[in-house]
Amino acid sequence: MSTNQETRKIFGQIAEKYNLPALAEIIKSDEHIIWKKDITICIANILKAATAEGDTKELLKDAKNMYNGPIFAINAAEKKYLIKAEPDFAKAMQDLAKFDFCFKLSPYHVINTYLAILIAQITEQDPNVLLKKGEEHMEAFIAASLKENKNWNKSTLTSADPKLIIPIGAAGCGKSTFYHELGNVVNASCDNIRYMLFNEFGPCFAPWESTLAWFVVNRMTDLYLGRGYSVFYNGVNTDLEYRSPITMENPDPLYAGIPYRMKLVYFEPTVNLTSMEVNELRSINLWGTTLDKVDRKGLSANVCKILDLIQTNTERTMERTKAIREGKAEQDPFDILYPVPPAIVKMFMEQSFSKPEGPNVVVVPRKEIADATERAAFYRKYAEMAAN
């Protein structure tokens, strides 16, 4: 039986065991997007390593995600991996019942939770310990915000109608300033959660780490919305397919069923690119060429402006994190700062032209405002739109 058939068999067993007809229906077609999603590809490649002849732990080093990144790497170039145990697919299926919040979300979240359980097995992470640390982090964040942020009010902290507020925009778009003006909205930040959980590994931003970090973010999001808190789903969320598992902008049944009341906040990019210019930007390989070595001859003026923005963002981030990197300052646990490779910044900028549509969208126009008081007032106006 092929790996794809074995993966389908596992998904079918999950659907039958937990009475999930939407998942059962989706996996019938070989053409469905479920087979092209990274979470499914990761499960299939873990399964392939576990069922092949040879040392499973060694074979898991070659298990990759859809972007050809080793799932269990800490530093693949130095041949460092976090592989401590073999996966138990049947036990992972049983353990799904412990995280049944995923069943009320979407088929995507069910599969993603199953993947997180498998990865936790292999890396010997206890999902319940991770979730406990996540909740402690959120509670500490709420206490600090009530103490330090004038826009927070304990008497109105929870409501019967909380919202999930999802920012969409590349780095430097104004998201942090906007969030500060929201008030009474807890920050489910993947950066903060990742650093809090996996600082000992760098963090390394490998697939295993990202899967577990987002597992905790998704659970914290559901937990705090259930307690009546509005939540800021704090990731870059730029690409439509990347954010559709939570926003359901892609109407495919794979994503359907999220029960939250949402507001999508789209931060307009600094420079507007045509589709041709976006493709031009995509053609530049910043993994293979450093930013200062990019040949700008023949590039459009707007694409050159984007490259300048990437350079400015990189320099600003390096300056802001210098003292932390040198051990002269501590990370703020509620506002983690770390340098991001220019190639990643470029990818998010490419994707930031994917604008959401609909009545639950708040569009924040791009505006450079030097004065801090005026800038806060500008973002407060849009924060109020998102909160109401």
Protein backbone atom coordinates (compact mmCIF):
# COMPACT_ATOMS: atom_id res chain seq x y z
CA MET A 1 0.00 0.00 0.00
CA SER A 2 1.40 3.45 -0.93
CA THR A 3 2.15 6.14 1.65
CA ASN A 4 -0.75 8.20 0.31
CA GLN A 5 -3.14 5.27 0.78
CA GLU A 6 -1.79 4.67 4.28
CA THR A 7 -2.30 8.36 5.10
CA ARG A 8 -5.85 8.20 3.76
CA LYS A 9 -6.45 5.10 5.89
CA ILE A 10 -5.32 6.94 9.04
CA PHE A 11 -7.50 9.96 8.25
CA GLY A 12 -10.43 7.64 7.57
CA GLN A 13 -9.96 5.93 10.94
CA ILE A 14 -9.86 9.32 12.68
CA ALA A 15 -13.05 10.39 10.89
CA GLU A 16 -14.82 7.16 11.85
CA LYS A 17 -13.61 7.10 15.46
CA TYR A 18 -14.62 10.68 16.20
CA ASN A 19 -17.65 10.93 13.87
CA LEU A 20 -16.20 13.57 11.55
CA PRO A 21 -18.20 13.32 8.29
CA ALA A 22 -16.58 16.40 6.72
CA LEU A 23 -13.12 14.82 7.03
CA ALA A 24 -14.44 11.49 5.73
CA GLU A 25 -15.88 13.19 2.64
CA ILE A 26 -12.77 15.27 1.87
CA ILE A 27 -10.37 12.32 1.75
CA LYS A 28 -12.39 10.44 -0.89
CA SER A 29 -10.94 12.45 -3.78
CA ASP A 30 -7.32 12.18 -4.89
CA GLU A 31 -7.64 15.70 -6.33
CA HIS A 32 -8.62 17.39 -3.10
CA ILE A 33 -6.24 20.07 -1.76
CA ILE A 34 -5.80 18.09 1.45
CA TRP A 35 -3.13 15.99 -0.27
CA LYS A 36 -1.18 19.11 -1.25
CA LYS A 37 -1.18 20.72 2.21
CA ASP A 38 2.01 20.78 4.24
CA ILE A 39 0.42 19.12 7.28
CA THR A 40 -0.59 16.08 5.21
CA ILE A 41 2.77 15.91 3.44
CA CYS A 42 4.54 15.96 6.82
CA ILE A 43 2.36 13.13 8.16
CA ALA A 44 2.92 11.11 4.96
CA ASN A 45 6.70 11.55 5.17
CA ILE A 46 6.79 10.64 8.87
CA LEU A 47 4.73 7.54 7.99
CA LYS A 48 7.09 6.71 5.13
CA ALA A 49 10.11 6.86 7.47
CA ALA A 50 8.35 4.75 10.11
CA THR A 51 7.31 1.99 7.70
CA ALA A 52 10.54 1.74 5.67
CA GLU A 53 13.22 -0.82 6.39
CA GLY A 54 16.02 0.47 8.58
CA ASP A 55 16.52 2.57 11.68
CA THR A 56 13.39 4.72 11.98
CA LYS A 57 15.15 7.47 13.92
CA GLU A 58 17.78 7.76 11.21
CA LEU A 59 15.17 7.70 8.46
CA LEU A 60 13.22 10.48 10.19
CA LYS A 61 16.17 12.79 9.58
CA ASP A 62 15.23 12.67 5.90
CA ALA A 63 11.53 13.35 6.51
CA LYS A 64 10.79 16.74 4.94
CA ASN A 65 7.92 19.16 4.63
CA MET A 66 6.56 20.54 1.36
CA TYR A 67 9.27 23.22 1.30
CA ASN A 68 11.96 20.52 1.45
CA GLY A 69 12.88 21.48 5.00
CA PRO A 70 13.82 18.62 7.37
CA ILE A 71 10.89 18.31 9.77
CA PHE A 72 13.00 17.46 12.80
CA ALA A 73 16.06 19.63 12.24
CA ILE A 74 17.55 21.90 14.86
CA ASN A 75 20.36 22.79 12.48
CA ALA A 76 20.36 20.61 9.35
CA ALA A 77 23.67 22.04 8.08
CA GLU A 78 25.34 20.85 11.28
CA LYS A 79 23.33 17.59 11.19
CA LYS A 80 21.53 18.39 14.44
CA TYR A 81 18.04 16.94 14.84
CA LEU A 82 15.52 16.51 17.63
CA ILE A 83 14.53 12.86 17.23
CA LYS A 84 14.18 10.94 20.47
CA ALA A 85 11.50 8.32 19.87
CA GLU A 86 9.60 6.50 17.15
CA PRO A 87 6.04 7.59 16.33
CA ASP A 88 3.03 5.59 17.49
CA PHE A 89 0.25 6.36 15.00
CA ALA A 90 -2.46 4.43 16.86
CA LYS A 91 -1.68 6.12 20.19
CA ALA A 92 -1.65 9.51 18.48
CA MET A 93 -5.15 8.75 17.23
CA GLN A 94 -6.27 7.85 20.76
CA ASP A 95 -4.66 10.99 22.16
CA LEU A 96 -6.68 13.22 19.83
CA ALA A 97 -9.53 12.83 22.34
CA LYS A 98 -7.43 14.77 24.88
CA PHE A 99 -7.41 17.78 22.54
CA ASP A 100 -10.99 17.62 21.35
CA PHE A 101 -11.20 21.40 20.85
CA CYS A 102 -9.99 20.69 17.32
CA PHE A 103 -13.15 18.73 16.46
CA LYS A 104 -15.34 21.85 16.59
CA LEU A 105 -12.98 23.84 14.35
CA SER A 106 -12.32 22.29 10.93
CA PRO A 107 -10.94 19.13 9.29
CA TYR A 108 -7.69 21.04 8.81
CA HIS A 109 -7.35 21.58 12.56
CA VAL A 110 -8.04 17.91 13.27
CA ILE A 111 -5.20 16.86 10.97
CA ASN A 112 -2.93 19.60 12.29
CA THR A 113 -3.55 18.46 15.87
CA TYR A 114 -2.81 14.85 14.91
CA LEU A 115 0.48 16.01 13.35
CA ALA A 116 1.33 17.96 16.51
CA ILE A 117 0.78 14.83 18.61
CA LEU A 118 3.05 12.77 16.34
CA ILE A 119 5.75 15.44 16.46
CA ALA A 120 5.45 15.65 20.24
CA GLN A 121 5.96 11.88 20.44
CA ILE A 122 9.08 11.94 18.27
CA THR A 123 10.64 14.97 19.99
CA GLU A 124 9.49 13.79 23.45
CA GLN A 125 7.59 16.96 24.19
CA ASP A 126 4.54 16.68 26.44
CA PRO A 127 1.67 18.57 24.74
CA ASN A 128 -0.04 19.14 28.08
CA VAL A 129 3.12 20.71 29.51
CA LEU A 130 3.38 22.95 26.45
CA LEU A 131 -0.26 24.01 26.85
CA LYS A 132 0.22 24.66 30.58
CA LYS A 133 3.20 26.90 29.81
CA GLY A 134 1.14 28.64 27.14
CA GLU A 135 -1.67 29.36 29.60
CA GLU A 136 0.78 30.63 32.23
CA HIS A 137 2.26 32.93 29.60
CA MET A 138 -1.17 34.28 28.64
CA GLU A 139 -2.14 34.89 32.27
CA ALA A 140 1.13 36.73 32.92
CA PHE A 141 0.52 38.80 29.78
CA ILE A 142 -2.99 39.76 30.93
CA ALA A 143 -1.70 40.78 34.37
CA ALA A 144 1.10 42.89 32.85
CA SER A 145 -1.25 44.54 30.37
CA LEU A 146 -3.74 45.52 33.08
CA LYS A 147 -0.89 47.06 35.01
CA GLU A 148 0.96 48.81 32.20
CA ASN A 149 -1.44 49.55 29.30
CA LYS A 150 -3.83 52.45 29.84
CA ASN A 151 -6.16 50.99 27.17
CA TRP A 152 -6.92 47.93 29.33
CA ASN A 153 -9.82 47.92 31.80
CA LYS A 154 -10.37 44.99 34.18
CA SER A 155 -14.12 45.68 34.50
CA THR A 156 -14.65 45.19 30.74
CA LEU A 157 -11.99 42.56 30.14
CA THR A 158 -14.37 39.79 29.05
CA SER A 159 -17.70 39.77 27.25
CA ALA A 160 -20.39 37.41 26.00
CA ASP A 161 -19.42 38.25 22.42
CA PRO A 162 -15.61 38.10 22.10
CA LYS A 163 -13.87 38.57 18.74
CA LEU A 164 -10.93 36.98 17.02
CA ILE A 165 -8.95 39.83 15.45
CA ILE A 166 -6.56 38.70 12.72
CA PRO A 167 -3.89 41.11 11.42
CA ILE A 168 -2.77 40.70 7.80
CA GLY A 169 0.38 42.47 6.71
CA ALA A 170 4.16 42.20 6.36
CA ALA A 171 6.74 43.21 8.95
CA GLY A 172 6.81 46.93 9.69
CA CYS A 173 3.18 47.43 8.62
CA GLY A 174 2.10 49.05 11.92
CA LYS A 175 0.67 45.93 13.54
CA SER A 176 2.38 46.48 16.91
CA THR A 177 1.22 50.10 17.19
CA PHE A 178 -2.29 49.04 16.19
CA TYR A 179 -2.34 46.24 18.75
CA HIS A 180 -1.22 48.53 21.58
CA GLU A 181 -4.27 50.71 20.90
CA LEU A 182 -6.74 47.81 20.95
CA GLY A 183 -6.93 47.30 24.69
CA ASN A 184 -8.58 44.34 26.44
CA VAL A 185 -7.50 41.97 23.65
CA VAL A 186 -5.11 39.16 24.56
CA ASN A 187 -2.12 38.63 22.33
CA ALA A 188 -1.89 35.07 21.00
CA SER A 189 1.54 35.68 19.49
CA CYS A 190 3.34 32.78 17.82
CA ASP A 191 6.66 34.62 18.18
CA ASN A 192 6.19 35.02 21.93
CA ILE A 193 4.91 31.46 22.42
CA ARG A 194 7.68 29.96 20.27
CA TYR A 195 10.40 31.82 22.15
CA MET A 196 8.90 30.97 25.52
CA LEU A 197 8.70 27.25 24.69
CA PHE A 198 11.76 26.68 22.53
CA ASN A 199 14.37 29.31 23.37
CA GLU A 200 16.84 26.54 24.19
CA PHE A 201 16.81 25.59 20.50
CA GLY A 202 17.36 29.13 19.22
CA PRO A 203 14.42 29.08 18.42
CA CYS A 204 15.29 27.21 15.23
CA PHE A 205 12.05 27.83 13.24
CA ALA A 206 12.10 24.23 11.99
CA PRO A 207 8.82 22.51 10.99
CA TRP A 208 8.58 20.50 14.25
CA GLU A 209 8.95 23.68 16.30
CA SER A 210 6.48 25.69 14.22
CA THR A 211 3.88 22.92 14.40
CA LEU A 212 4.03 22.74 18.19
CA ALA A 213 4.12 26.53 18.62
CA TRP A 214 1.01 26.99 16.45
CA PHE A 215 -0.68 24.07 18.21
CA VAL A 216 -0.33 26.01 21.46
CA VAL A 217 -1.42 29.29 19.82
CA ASN A 218 -4.54 27.62 18.39
CA ARG A 219 -5.44 26.07 21.72
CA MET A 220 -4.85 29.34 23.60
CA THR A 221 -6.99 31.15 21.04
CA ASP A 222 -9.86 28.74 21.55
CA LEU A 223 -9.43 28.66 25.33
CA TYR A 224 -9.46 32.42 25.82
CA LEU A 225 -12.26 33.08 23.36
CA GLY A 226 -14.22 30.48 25.34
CA ARG A 227 -13.54 32.47 28.50
CA GLY A 228 -14.91 35.62 26.89
CA TYR A 229 -11.65 37.34 25.96
CA SER A 230 -11.16 38.87 22.55
CA VAL A 231 -7.96 37.54 20.97
CA PHE A 232 -5.35 39.02 18.60
CA TYR A 233 -4.21 36.11 16.38
CA ASN A 234 -0.72 37.40 16.04
CA GLY A 235 1.18 35.99 13.09
CA VAL A 236 2.05 37.58 9.78
CA ASN A 237 -0.95 35.84 8.14
CA THR A 238 -0.11 37.28 4.73
CA ASP A 239 -0.73 34.45 2.28
CA LEU A 240 -4.41 33.60 1.64
CA GLU A 241 -3.82 29.83 1.72
CA TYR A 242 -1.68 30.20 4.85
CA ARG A 243 -4.39 32.09 6.73
CA SER A 244 -7.46 30.29 5.30
CA PRO A 245 -7.38 27.50 7.94
CA ILE A 246 -8.51 30.14 10.44
CA THR A 247 -10.16 32.85 8.28
CA MET A 248 -11.95 30.41 5.92
CA GLU A 249 -11.40 32.82 2.97
CA ASN A 250 -10.92 29.75 0.83
CA PRO A 251 -14.41 28.20 0.98
CA ASP A 252 -13.15 24.63 0.67
CA PRO A 253 -14.72 22.26 3.25
CA LEU A 254 -11.22 21.55 4.56
CA TYR A 255 -11.35 24.91 6.32
CA ALA A 256 -15.06 25.19 7.08
CA GLY A 257 -16.57 25.28 10.53
CA ILE A 258 -14.59 27.84 12.58
CA PRO A 259 -17.12 29.06 15.17
CA TYR A 260 -15.47 32.40 16.02
CA ARG A 261 -16.67 35.93 15.29
CA MET A 262 -13.78 37.46 13.35
CA LYS A 263 -12.42 40.76 12.15
CA LEU A 264 -9.62 40.71 9.56
CA VAL A 265 -7.40 43.79 9.74
CA TYR A 266 -5.53 44.39 6.50
CA PHE A 267 -2.55 46.75 6.63
CA GLU A 268 -1.94 48.25 3.23
CA PRO A 269 1.63 47.84 1.97
CA THR A 270 3.85 50.87 1.65
CA VAL A 271 4.27 50.37 -2.08
CA ASN A 272 1.54 49.14 -4.41
CA LEU A 273 2.78 46.58 -6.93
CA THR A 274 1.10 45.32 -10.07
CA SER A 275 0.83 41.54 -10.53
CA MET A 276 3.76 41.78 -12.96
CA GLU A 277 5.85 43.61 -10.35
CA VAL A 278 4.94 41.03 -7.69
CA ASN A 279 6.23 38.29 -10.01
CA GLU A 280 9.36 40.36 -10.59
CA LEU A 281 9.90 40.55 -6.84
CA ARG A 282 9.34 36.80 -6.49
CA SER A 283 12.03 36.11 -9.08
CA ILE A 284 14.72 37.64 -6.85
CA ASN A 285 16.46 34.93 -4.82
CA LEU A 286 17.66 36.40 -1.53
CA TRP A 287 18.63 32.95 -0.28
CA GLY A 288 21.29 32.72 -2.97
CA THR A 289 22.20 36.41 -3.24
CA THR A 290 22.68 38.90 -0.43
CA LEU A 291 20.51 41.99 -0.56
CA ASP A 292 23.39 44.34 -1.35
CA LYS A 293 24.47 42.13 -4.29
CA VAL A 294 21.12 42.13 -6.09
CA ASP A 295 21.51 43.49 -9.62
CA ARG A 296 18.89 46.23 -9.84
CA LYS A 297 19.36 46.91 -13.53
CA GLY A 298 16.09 46.30 -15.29
CA LEU A 299 14.08 46.15 -12.07
CA SER A 300 11.04 48.40 -11.80
CA ALA A 301 11.19 51.43 -9.49
CA ASN A 302 8.52 49.94 -7.22
CA VAL A 303 10.40 46.67 -6.77
CA CYS A 304 13.53 48.65 -5.92
CA LYS A 305 11.50 50.47 -3.28
CA ILE A 306 10.50 47.12 -1.78
CA LEU A 307 14.16 46.04 -1.68
CA ASP A 308 14.98 49.30 0.11
CA LEU A 309 12.21 48.58 2.62
CA ILE A 310 13.60 45.10 3.23
CA GLN A 311 17.04 46.59 3.83
CA THR A 312 15.64 49.18 6.24
CA ASN A 313 13.64 46.54 8.09
CA THR A 314 16.70 44.30 8.41
CA GLU A 315 18.92 47.11 9.68
CA ARG A 316 16.29 48.33 12.13
CA THR A 317 15.70 44.84 13.52
CA MET A 318 19.42 44.16 13.87
CA GLU A 319 19.84 47.43 15.74
CA ARG A 320 16.86 46.77 18.01
CA THR A 321 18.13 43.27 18.87
CA LYS A 322 21.83 44.12 19.20
CA ALA A 323 21.84 44.41 22.99
CA ILE A 324 19.80 41.19 23.32
CA ARG A 325 22.13 39.28 21.01
CA GLU A 326 25.15 40.55 22.93
CA GLY A 327 23.67 39.48 26.25
CA LYS A 328 23.38 43.07 27.50
CA ALA A 329 19.58 43.09 27.61
CA GLU A 330 16.78 40.63 28.25
CA GLN A 331 13.96 39.81 25.86
CA ASP A 332 10.63 41.34 26.73
CA PRO A 333 8.60 38.08 27.08
CA PHE A 334 5.52 39.82 25.69
CA ASP A 335 7.23 41.50 22.73
CA ILE A 336 9.87 39.13 21.41
CA LEU A 337 12.40 40.59 18.99
CA TYR A 338 14.66 38.56 16.72
CA PRO A 339 16.37 39.10 13.36
CA VAL A 340 14.50 37.63 10.39
CA PRO A 341 16.44 36.73 7.22
CA PRO A 342 15.78 39.20 4.37
CA ALA A 343 14.51 36.32 2.20
CA ILE A 344 11.70 35.69 4.72
CA VAL A 345 10.86 39.39 4.93
CA LYS A 346 10.67 39.48 1.13
CA MET A 347 8.37 36.46 1.03
CA PHE A 348 5.94 38.11 3.47
CA MET A 349 6.04 41.33 1.47
CA GLU A 350 5.25 39.40 -1.72
CA GLN A 351 2.27 37.85 0.01
CA SER A 352 1.04 41.08 1.61
CA PHE A 353 -0.76 42.06 -1.60
CA SER A 354 -3.30 39.28 -0.93
CA LYS A 355 -6.06 41.56 0.34
CA PRO A 356 -9.10 40.04 2.10
CA GLU A 357 -12.59 41.10 1.10
CA GLY A 358 -15.92 41.24 2.89
CA PRO A 359 -17.87 43.01 5.64
CA ASN A 360 -15.63 41.74 8.44
CA VAL A 361 -12.51 43.40 6.97
CA VAL A 362 -10.96 46.59 8.36
CA VAL A 363 -8.45 48.21 5.99
CA VAL A 364 -5.72 50.28 7.60
CA PRO A 365 -4.21 52.67 5.03
CA ARG A 366 -0.45 53.03 4.99
CA LYS A 367 0.58 56.35 6.52
CA GLU A 368 3.93 57.50 7.82
CA ILE A 369 3.37 59.57 10.98
CA ALA A 370 6.42 60.85 12.83
CA ASP A 371 4.63 62.20 15.92
CA ALA A 372 3.95 59.38 18.43
CA THR A 373 0.73 60.90 19.81
CA GLU A 374 -0.69 61.49 16.34
CA ARG A 375 0.35 58.00 15.24
CA ALA A 376 -1.36 56.41 18.26
CA ALA A 377 -4.56 58.35 17.54
CA PHE A 378 -4.50 57.23 13.90
CA TYR A 379 -4.24 53.55 14.80
CA ARG A 380 -6.73 53.88 17.67
CA LYS A 381 -9.44 54.83 15.17
CA TYR A 382 -8.96 51.55 13.27
CA ALA A 383 -8.56 49.57 16.49
CA GLU A 384 -12.00 50.74 17.53
CA MET A 385 -13.42 49.58 14.17
CA ALA A 386 -11.92 46.14 14.72
CA ALA A 387 -13.12 45.86 18.30
CA ASN A 388 -16.73 46.87 17.56
